[in-house]
């Protein structure tokens, strides 16, 4: 079993493992307990009181973080015809408007962070679903990444600004980045609040009892910090 380093132990000593911190307290502590040499990502992990095996208890949604993620987002758009022109004018990094792009992806190329598609090409995009799906890159109408050509400027702008998709995993948890450790604490708090609001709005009608069981935030390589689910920054 791997042993924790001195920096991690010193950071962990600052966290009261029995306390549920407010949102402002939690993000401020995440910043001070970030021990990575690089600008670590602050992530939020939410344990939900739903059964991920039940179709009517799935939790999925999209949130545009008000202060972005602090990173460059590479966007690929699957489209054709006029959609290709619109995608290029809207600033897409890659416009996959030919079958050569599908062959390139089938060959292992996935140098992009978000994939968007227009409805008319989804039949073709299905050919690379096995590659994109496991990486969380497959365009999906429920996630808002399948849109008519006329809506591409809006979708691309949101993706660039900090649009984050969240989806329940097999263990009943959500995992989402909410910014960088270098962000001011108030900006991290705003992002975290926006995400938690979206999670609450995504509560399935079939969910019973305590919906949000536990919220934890942590910077890359930093200790987990428990957050009071009922307290917001505002």
C-alpha atoms as a PDB file:
ATOM      1  CA  UNK A   1       0.000   0.000   0.000  1.00  0.00           C
ATOM      2  CA  UNK A   2       1.379   3.400  -1.005  1.00  0.00           C
ATOM      3  CA  UNK A   3       2.325   5.761   1.818  1.00  0.00           C
ATOM      4  CA  UNK A   4       1.280   9.397   1.877  1.00  0.00           C
ATOM      5  CA  UNK A   5       4.022  11.982   1.448  1.00  0.00           C
ATOM      6  CA  UNK A   6       4.926  14.680   3.962  1.00  0.00           C
ATOM      7  CA  UNK A   7       3.185  17.417   1.954  1.00  0.00           C
ATOM      8  CA  UNK A   8      -0.037  15.448   1.758  1.00  0.00           C
ATOM      9  CA  UNK A   9       0.032  14.636   5.486  1.00  0.00           C
ATOM     10  CA  UNK A  10       0.598  18.309   6.322  1.00  0.00           C
ATOM     11  CA  UNK A  11      -2.307  19.299   4.061  1.00  0.00           C
ATOM     12  CA  UNK A  12      -4.589  16.593   5.453  1.00  0.00           C
ATOM     13  CA  UNK A  13      -3.859  17.786   8.995  1.00  0.00           C
ATOM     14  CA  UNK A  14      -5.595  21.068   8.122  1.00  0.00           C
ATOM     15  CA  UNK A  15      -8.879  19.277   7.371  1.00  0.00           C
ATOM     16  CA  UNK A  16     -11.357  18.259  10.076  1.00  0.00           C
ATOM     17  CA  UNK A  17     -12.640  14.954   8.662  1.00  0.00           C
ATOM     18  CA  UNK A  18     -15.736  15.079  10.882  1.00  0.00           C
ATOM     19  CA  UNK A  19     -16.813  18.574   9.853  1.00  0.00           C
ATOM     20  CA  UNK A  20     -19.145  19.554   7.011  1.00  0.00           C
ATOM     21  CA  UNK A  21     -17.734  22.847   5.717  1.00  0.00           C
ATOM     22  CA  UNK A  22     -19.732  25.598   4.032  1.00  0.00           C
ATOM     23  CA  UNK A  23     -19.086  26.103   0.329  1.00  0.00           C
ATOM     24  CA  UNK A  24     -16.820  29.171   0.861  1.00  0.00           C
ATOM     25  CA  UNK A  25     -14.895  27.369   3.622  1.00  0.00           C
ATOM     26  CA  UNK A  26     -14.477  24.204   1.549  1.00  0.00           C
ATOM     27  CA  UNK A  27     -13.111  25.873  -1.580  1.00  0.00           C
ATOM     28  CA  UNK A  28     -10.760  28.098   0.446  1.00  0.00           C
ATOM     29  CA  UNK A  29      -9.438  24.986   2.196  1.00  0.00           C
ATOM     30  CA  UNK A  30      -9.117  23.127  -1.117  1.00  0.00           C
ATOM     31  CA  UNK A  31      -6.875  25.941  -2.362  1.00  0.00           C
ATOM     32  CA  UNK A  32      -4.601  25.835   0.690  1.00  0.00           C
ATOM     33  CA  UNK A  33      -4.368  22.026   0.643  1.00  0.00           C
ATOM     34  CA  UNK A  34      -3.437  21.763  -3.042  1.00  0.00           C
ATOM     35  CA  UNK A  35      -0.035  20.069  -2.896  1.00  0.00           C
ATOM     36  CA  UNK A  36       0.682  19.502  -6.590  1.00  0.00           C
ATOM     37  CA  UNK A  37       3.559  21.410  -8.204  1.00  0.00           C
ATOM     38  CA  UNK A  38       1.248  22.350 -11.086  1.00  0.00           C
ATOM     39  CA  UNK A  39      -2.010  24.301 -10.973  1.00  0.00           C
ATOM     40  CA  UNK A  40      -4.274  21.550  -9.691  1.00  0.00           C
ATOM     41  CA  UNK A  41      -7.925  21.090 -10.607  1.00  0.00           C
ATOM     42  CA  UNK A  42     -10.530  21.408  -7.859  1.00  0.00           C
ATOM     43  CA  UNK A  43     -13.073  18.608  -8.230  1.00  0.00           C
ATOM     44  CA  UNK A  44     -16.426  17.939  -6.625  1.00  0.00           C
ATOM     45  CA  UNK A  45     -17.603  14.409  -5.858  1.00  0.00           C
ATOM     46  CA  UNK A  46     -21.237  13.863  -4.923  1.00  0.00           C
ATOM     47  CA  UNK A  47     -22.670  10.681  -3.399  1.00  0.00           C
ATOM     48  CA  UNK A  48     -26.364  10.406  -4.301  1.00  0.00           C
ATOM     49  CA  UNK A  49     -29.122   8.413  -2.636  1.00  0.00           C
ATOM     50  CA  UNK A  50     -30.354   6.829  -5.866  1.00  0.00           C
ATOM     51  CA  UNK A  51     -30.055   3.358  -7.365  1.00  0.00           C
ATOM     52  CA  UNK A  52     -27.907   3.607 -10.522  1.00  0.00           C
ATOM     53  CA  UNK A  53     -29.307   0.243 -11.676  1.00  0.00           C
ATOM     54  CA  UNK A  54     -32.774   1.731 -12.110  1.00  0.00           C
ATOM     55  CA  UNK A  55     -33.549   3.544 -15.371  1.00  0.00           C
ATOM     56  CA  UNK A  56     -35.936   5.963 -13.627  1.00  0.00           C
ATOM     57  CA  UNK A  57     -33.277   7.028 -11.115  1.00  0.00           C
ATOM     58  CA  UNK A  58     -30.570   8.156 -13.512  1.00  0.00           C
ATOM     59  CA  UNK A  59     -29.072  11.590 -12.914  1.00  0.00           C
ATOM     60  CA  UNK A  60     -27.640  13.467 -15.843  1.00  0.00           C
ATOM     61  CA  UNK A  61     -27.340  17.101 -16.756  1.00  0.00           C
ATOM     62  CA  UNK A  62     -25.294  19.995 -18.024  1.00  0.00           C
ATOM     63  CA  UNK A  63     -24.145  23.158 -16.277  1.00  0.00           C
ATOM     64  CA  UNK A  64     -22.289  26.180 -17.616  1.00  0.00           C
ATOM     65  CA  UNK A  65     -19.894  27.203 -14.848  1.00  0.00           C
ATOM     66  CA  UNK A  66     -20.021  31.015 -14.480  1.00  0.00           C
ATOM     67  CA  UNK A  67     -16.238  31.306 -14.194  1.00  0.00           C
ATOM     68  CA  UNK A  68     -15.183  28.550 -16.578  1.00  0.00           C
ATOM     69  CA  UNK A  69     -12.698  25.773 -15.908  1.00  0.00           C
ATOM     70  CA  UNK A  70      -9.472  27.658 -16.436  1.00  0.00           C
ATOM     71  CA  UNK A  71      -8.333  25.500 -19.324  1.00  0.00           C
ATOM     72  CA  UNK A  72      -8.363  25.555 -23.106  1.00  0.00           C
ATOM     73  CA  UNK A  73     -11.217  23.438 -24.465  1.00  0.00           C
ATOM     74  CA  UNK A  74     -10.604  21.750 -27.826  1.00  0.00           C
ATOM     75  CA  UNK A  75     -13.879  21.386 -29.729  1.00  0.00           C
ATOM     76  CA  UNK A  76     -14.672  19.045 -32.608  1.00  0.00           C
ATOM     77  CA  UNK A  77     -17.925  19.383 -34.558  1.00  0.00           C
ATOM     78  CA  UNK A  78     -19.377  16.598 -36.699  1.00  0.00           C
ATOM     79  CA  UNK A  79     -21.400  18.270 -39.439  1.00  0.00           C
ATOM     80  CA  UNK A  80     -21.784  18.711 -43.173  1.00  0.00           C
ATOM     81  CA  UNK A  81     -22.795  21.292 -45.738  1.00  0.00           C
ATOM     82  CA  UNK A  82     -23.755  24.666 -44.285  1.00  0.00           C
ATOM     83  CA  UNK A  83     -23.166  23.325 -40.786  1.00  0.00           C
ATOM     84  CA  UNK A  84     -19.435  23.097 -41.534  1.00  0.00           C
ATOM     85  CA  UNK A  85     -19.308  26.763 -42.473  1.00  0.00           C
ATOM     86  CA  UNK A  86     -21.214  27.781 -39.335  1.00  0.00           C
ATOM     87  CA  UNK A  87     -18.967  25.623 -37.115  1.00  0.00           C
ATOM     88  CA  UNK A  88     -15.807  27.176 -38.557  1.00  0.00           C
ATOM     89  CA  UNK A  89     -17.152  30.708 -38.192  1.00  0.00           C
ATOM     90  CA  UNK A  90     -18.157  29.915 -34.579  1.00  0.00           C
ATOM     91  CA  UNK A  91     -14.574  28.941 -33.743  1.00  0.00           C
ATOM     92  CA  UNK A  92     -14.611  25.132 -33.670  1.00  0.00           C
ATOM     93  CA  UNK A  93     -11.064  23.716 -33.465  1.00  0.00           C
ATOM     94  CA  UNK A  94     -11.889  20.797 -35.741  1.00  0.00           C
ATOM     95  CA  UNK A  95     -14.732  20.468 -38.256  1.00  0.00           C
ATOM     96  CA  UNK A  96     -15.327  16.799 -39.105  1.00  0.00           C
ATOM     97  CA  UNK A  97     -17.247  17.167 -42.337  1.00  0.00           C
ATOM     98  CA  UNK A  98     -15.832  14.173 -44.247  1.00  0.00           C
ATOM     99  CA  UNK A  99     -15.561  10.400 -43.746  1.00  0.00           C
ATOM    100  CA  UNK A 100     -11.791  10.836 -43.415  1.00  0.00           C
ATOM    101  CA  UNK A 101     -12.359  12.261 -39.945  1.00  0.00           C
ATOM    102  CA  UNK A 102     -14.222   9.118 -38.871  1.00  0.00           C
ATOM    103  CA  UNK A 103     -11.368   6.980 -40.184  1.00  0.00           C
ATOM    104  CA  UNK A 104      -8.908   9.151 -38.270  1.00  0.00           C
ATOM    105  CA  UNK A 105     -10.842   8.597 -35.019  1.00  0.00           C
ATOM    106  CA  UNK A 106     -11.153   4.871 -35.746  1.00  0.00           C
ATOM    107  CA  UNK A 107      -7.371   4.906 -35.995  1.00  0.00           C
ATOM    108  CA  UNK A 108      -7.129   6.199 -32.422  1.00  0.00           C
ATOM    109  CA  UNK A 109      -7.100   9.987 -32.747  1.00  0.00           C
ATOM    110  CA  UNK A 110      -9.037  11.737 -29.961  1.00  0.00           C
ATOM    111  CA  UNK A 111      -7.208  15.041 -29.481  1.00  0.00           C
ATOM    112  CA  UNK A 112     -10.281  17.015 -28.446  1.00  0.00           C
ATOM    113  CA  UNK A 113     -12.205  17.645 -25.235  1.00  0.00           C
ATOM    114  CA  UNK A 114     -15.768  18.134 -26.494  1.00  0.00           C
ATOM    115  CA  UNK A 115     -17.542  16.626 -29.503  1.00  0.00           C
ATOM    116  CA  UNK A 116     -20.663  18.261 -30.937  1.00  0.00           C
ATOM    117  CA  UNK A 117     -22.775  16.993 -33.820  1.00  0.00           C
ATOM    118  CA  UNK A 118     -25.709  18.076 -35.961  1.00  0.00           C
ATOM    119  CA  UNK A 119     -28.623  15.588 -36.113  1.00  0.00           C
ATOM    120  CA  UNK A 120     -28.159  14.829 -39.815  1.00  0.00           C
ATOM    121  CA  UNK A 121     -24.747  13.185 -39.285  1.00  0.00           C
ATOM    122  CA  UNK A 122     -25.468  11.172 -36.128  1.00  0.00           C
ATOM    123  CA  UNK A 123     -25.934   8.023 -38.211  1.00  0.00           C
ATOM    124  CA  UNK A 124     -22.328   8.282 -39.362  1.00  0.00           C
ATOM    125  CA  UNK A 125     -21.031   9.314 -35.948  1.00  0.00           C
ATOM    126  CA  UNK A 126     -22.474   6.084 -34.557  1.00  0.00           C
ATOM    127  CA  UNK A 127     -19.594   4.292 -36.273  1.00  0.00           C
ATOM    128  CA  UNK A 128     -17.160   5.698 -33.698  1.00  0.00           C
ATOM    129  CA  UNK A 129     -19.470   5.426 -30.669  1.00  0.00           C
ATOM    130  CA  UNK A 130     -17.411   2.578 -29.193  1.00  0.00           C
ATOM    131  CA  UNK A 131     -14.361   4.807 -29.223  1.00  0.00           C
ATOM    132  CA  UNK A 132     -15.949   8.061 -28.098  1.00  0.00           C
ATOM    133  CA  UNK A 133     -18.475   6.640 -25.621  1.00  0.00           C
ATOM    134  CA  UNK A 134     -16.018   5.257 -23.019  1.00  0.00           C
ATOM    135  CA  UNK A 135     -14.098   8.554 -23.151  1.00  0.00           C
ATOM    136  CA  UNK A 136     -17.206  10.635 -22.536  1.00  0.00           C
ATOM    137  CA  UNK A 137     -16.875  12.259 -25.955  1.00  0.00           C
ATOM    138  CA  UNK A 138     -19.908  10.872 -27.777  1.00  0.00           C
ATOM    139  CA  UNK A 139     -22.387  13.615 -28.799  1.00  0.00           C
ATOM    140  CA  UNK A 140     -25.727  13.121 -27.075  1.00  0.00           C
ATOM    141  CA  UNK A 141     -29.030  15.036 -27.337  1.00  0.00           C
ATOM    142  CA  UNK A 142     -29.614  14.755 -23.566  1.00  0.00           C
ATOM    143  CA  UNK A 143     -26.273  16.421 -22.923  1.00  0.00           C
ATOM    144  CA  UNK A 144     -27.014  19.179 -25.420  1.00  0.00           C
ATOM    145  CA  UNK A 145     -24.131  18.195 -27.711  1.00  0.00           C
ATOM    146  CA  UNK A 146     -26.407  17.299 -30.615  1.00  0.00           C
ATOM    147  CA  UNK A 147     -27.863  20.495 -32.045  1.00  0.00           C
ATOM    148  CA  UNK A 148     -29.125  21.953 -35.330  1.00  0.00           C
ATOM    149  CA  UNK A 149     -26.576  23.853 -37.401  1.00  0.00           C
ATOM    150  CA  UNK A 150     -28.195  27.170 -36.464  1.00  0.00           C
ATOM    151  CA  UNK A 151     -27.519  26.453 -32.764  1.00  0.00           C
ATOM    152  CA  UNK A 152     -23.836  25.566 -33.199  1.00  0.00           C
ATOM    153  CA  UNK A 153     -22.540  29.054 -32.282  1.00  0.00           C
ATOM    154  CA  UNK A 154     -24.348  28.910 -28.927  1.00  0.00           C
ATOM    155  CA  UNK A 155     -23.271  25.337 -28.130  1.00  0.00           C
ATOM    156  CA  UNK A 156     -19.655  26.029 -29.101  1.00  0.00           C
ATOM    157  CA  UNK A 157     -19.617  29.220 -27.022  1.00  0.00           C
ATOM    158  CA  UNK A 158     -20.981  27.377 -23.973  1.00  0.00           C
ATOM    159  CA  UNK A 159     -18.430  24.579 -24.358  1.00  0.00           C
ATOM    160  CA  UNK A 160     -15.645  27.130 -24.562  1.00  0.00           C
ATOM    161  CA  UNK A 161     -16.942  29.043 -21.538  1.00  0.00           C
ATOM    162  CA  UNK A 162     -16.987  26.101 -19.144  1.00  0.00           C
ATOM    163  CA  UNK A 163     -19.884  23.851 -20.036  1.00  0.00           C
ATOM    164  CA  UNK A 164     -19.699  20.686 -17.952  1.00  0.00           C
ATOM    165  CA  UNK A 165     -21.693  17.493 -18.342  1.00  0.00           C
ATOM    166  CA  UNK A 166     -22.354  15.324 -15.293  1.00  0.00           C
ATOM    167  CA  UNK A 167     -23.657  11.784 -15.256  1.00  0.00           C
ATOM    168  CA  UNK A 168     -24.262   9.221 -12.522  1.00  0.00           C
ATOM    169  CA  UNK A 169     -21.671   6.447 -12.503  1.00  0.00           C
ATOM    170  CA  UNK A 170     -22.236   2.798 -11.629  1.00  0.00           C
ATOM    171  CA  UNK A 171     -21.508   3.410  -7.945  1.00  0.00           C
ATOM    172  CA  UNK A 172     -24.063   6.223  -7.555  1.00  0.00           C
ATOM    173  CA  UNK A 173     -21.564   9.090  -7.637  1.00  0.00           C
ATOM    174  CA  UNK A 174     -20.977  12.234  -9.697  1.00  0.00           C
ATOM    175  CA  UNK A 175     -17.480  13.582 -10.412  1.00  0.00           C
ATOM    176  CA  UNK A 176     -17.019  17.066 -11.889  1.00  0.00           C
ATOM    177  CA  UNK A 177     -14.196  19.651 -12.094  1.00  0.00           C
ATOM    178  CA  UNK A 178     -15.206  23.106 -10.839  1.00  0.00           C
ATOM    179  CA  UNK A 179     -12.086  25.140 -11.571  1.00  0.00           C
ATOM    180  CA  UNK A 180      -8.381  25.515 -10.838  1.00  0.00           C
ATOM    181  CA  UNK A 181      -6.684  25.875  -7.457  1.00  0.00           C
ATOM    182  CA  UNK A 182      -5.358  29.240  -8.672  1.00  0.00           C
ATOM    183  CA  UNK A 183      -8.905  30.617  -9.004  1.00  0.00           C
ATOM    184  CA  UNK A 184      -9.979  33.161  -6.362  1.00  0.00           C
ATOM    185  CA  UNK A 185     -12.016  31.373  -3.681  1.00  0.00           C
ATOM    186  CA  UNK A 186     -15.159  33.341  -4.525  1.00  0.00           C
ATOM    187  CA  UNK A 187     -15.026  32.204  -8.167  1.00  0.00           C
ATOM    188  CA  UNK A 188     -14.617  28.572  -7.132  1.00  0.00           C
ATOM    189  CA  UNK A 189     -17.551  28.994  -4.747  1.00  0.00           C
ATOM    190  CA  UNK A 190     -19.727  30.386  -7.545  1.00  0.00           C
ATOM    191  CA  UNK A 191     -18.826  27.470  -9.810  1.00  0.00           C
ATOM    192  CA  UNK A 192     -19.471  24.922  -7.071  1.00  0.00           C
ATOM    193  CA  UNK A 193     -22.820  26.498  -6.232  1.00  0.00           C
ATOM    194  CA  UNK A 194     -23.843  26.420  -9.905  1.00  0.00           C
ATOM    195  CA  UNK A 195     -22.988  22.722 -10.130  1.00  0.00           C
ATOM    196  CA  UNK A 196     -24.820  21.812  -6.919  1.00  0.00           C
ATOM    197  CA  UNK A 197     -27.903  23.744  -8.071  1.00  0.00           C
ATOM    198  CA  UNK A 198     -27.868  21.770 -11.332  1.00  0.00           C
ATOM    199  CA  UNK A 199     -27.602  18.481  -9.430  1.00  0.00           C
ATOM    200  CA  UNK A 200     -30.580  19.380  -7.255  1.00  0.00           C
ATOM    201  CA  UNK A 201     -32.639  20.325 -10.314  1.00  0.00           C
ATOM    202  CA  UNK A 202     -31.735  17.009 -11.937  1.00  0.00           C
ATOM    203  CA  UNK A 203     -33.263  14.984  -9.093  1.00  0.00           C
ATOM    204  CA  UNK A 204     -35.351  12.166 -10.625  1.00  0.00           C
ATOM    205  CA  UNK A 205     -38.967  11.933  -9.508  1.00  0.00           C
ATOM    206  CA  UNK A 206     -38.403   8.290  -8.548  1.00  0.00           C
ATOM    207  CA  UNK A 207     -35.685   9.228  -6.013  1.00  0.00           C
ATOM    208  CA  UNK A 208     -36.838   8.739  -2.432  1.00  0.00           C
ATOM    209  CA  UNK A 209     -35.326   9.718   0.887  1.00  0.00           C
ATOM    210  CA  UNK A 210     -32.057  11.640   1.184  1.00  0.00           C
ATOM    211  CA  UNK A 211     -31.094  12.618  -2.379  1.00  0.00           C
ATOM    212  CA  UNK A 212     -27.667  14.183  -1.747  1.00  0.00           C
ATOM    213  CA  UNK A 213     -25.893  12.017   0.803  1.00  0.00           C
ATOM    214  CA  UNK A 214     -22.386  13.444   0.696  1.00  0.00           C
ATOM    215  CA  UNK A 215     -20.435  16.191  -1.067  1.00  0.00           C
ATOM    216  CA  UNK A 216     -16.649  16.262  -1.136  1.00  0.00           C
ATOM    217  CA  UNK A 217     -14.257  18.692  -2.810  1.00  0.00           C
ATOM    218  CA  UNK A 218     -10.544  18.206  -3.300  1.00  0.00           C
ATOM    219  CA  UNK A 219      -7.714  19.667  -5.330  1.00  0.00           C
ATOM    220  CA  UNK A 220      -5.548  17.384  -7.453  1.00  0.00           C
ATOM    221  CA  UNK A 221      -3.492  15.220  -5.080  1.00  0.00           C
ATOM    222  CA  UNK A 222      -5.088  17.018  -2.113  1.00  0.00           C
ATOM    223  CA  UNK A 223      -7.242  15.628   0.745  1.00  0.00           C
ATOM    224  CA  UNK A 224     -11.019  15.394   0.534  1.00  0.00           C
ATOM    225  CA  UNK A 225     -13.074  18.112   2.255  1.00  0.00           C
ATOM    226  CA  UNK A 226     -16.697  17.423   3.159  1.00  0.00           C
ATOM    227  CA  UNK A 227     -19.269  20.064   2.249  1.00  0.00           C
ATOM    228  CA  UNK A 228     -22.581  20.805   3.922  1.00  0.00           C
ATOM    229  CA  UNK A 229     -25.162  19.958   1.255  1.00  0.00           C
ATOM    230  CA  UNK A 230     -27.585  22.554   2.580  1.00  0.00           C
ATOM    231  CA  UNK A 231     -25.251  25.565   2.610  1.00  0.00           C
ATOM    232  CA  UNK A 232     -24.526  27.788  -0.400  1.00  0.00           C
ATOM    233  CA  UNK A 233     -22.016  30.550  -0.928  1.00  0.00           C
ATOM    234  CA  UNK A 234     -24.682  33.216  -1.410  1.00  0.00           C
END
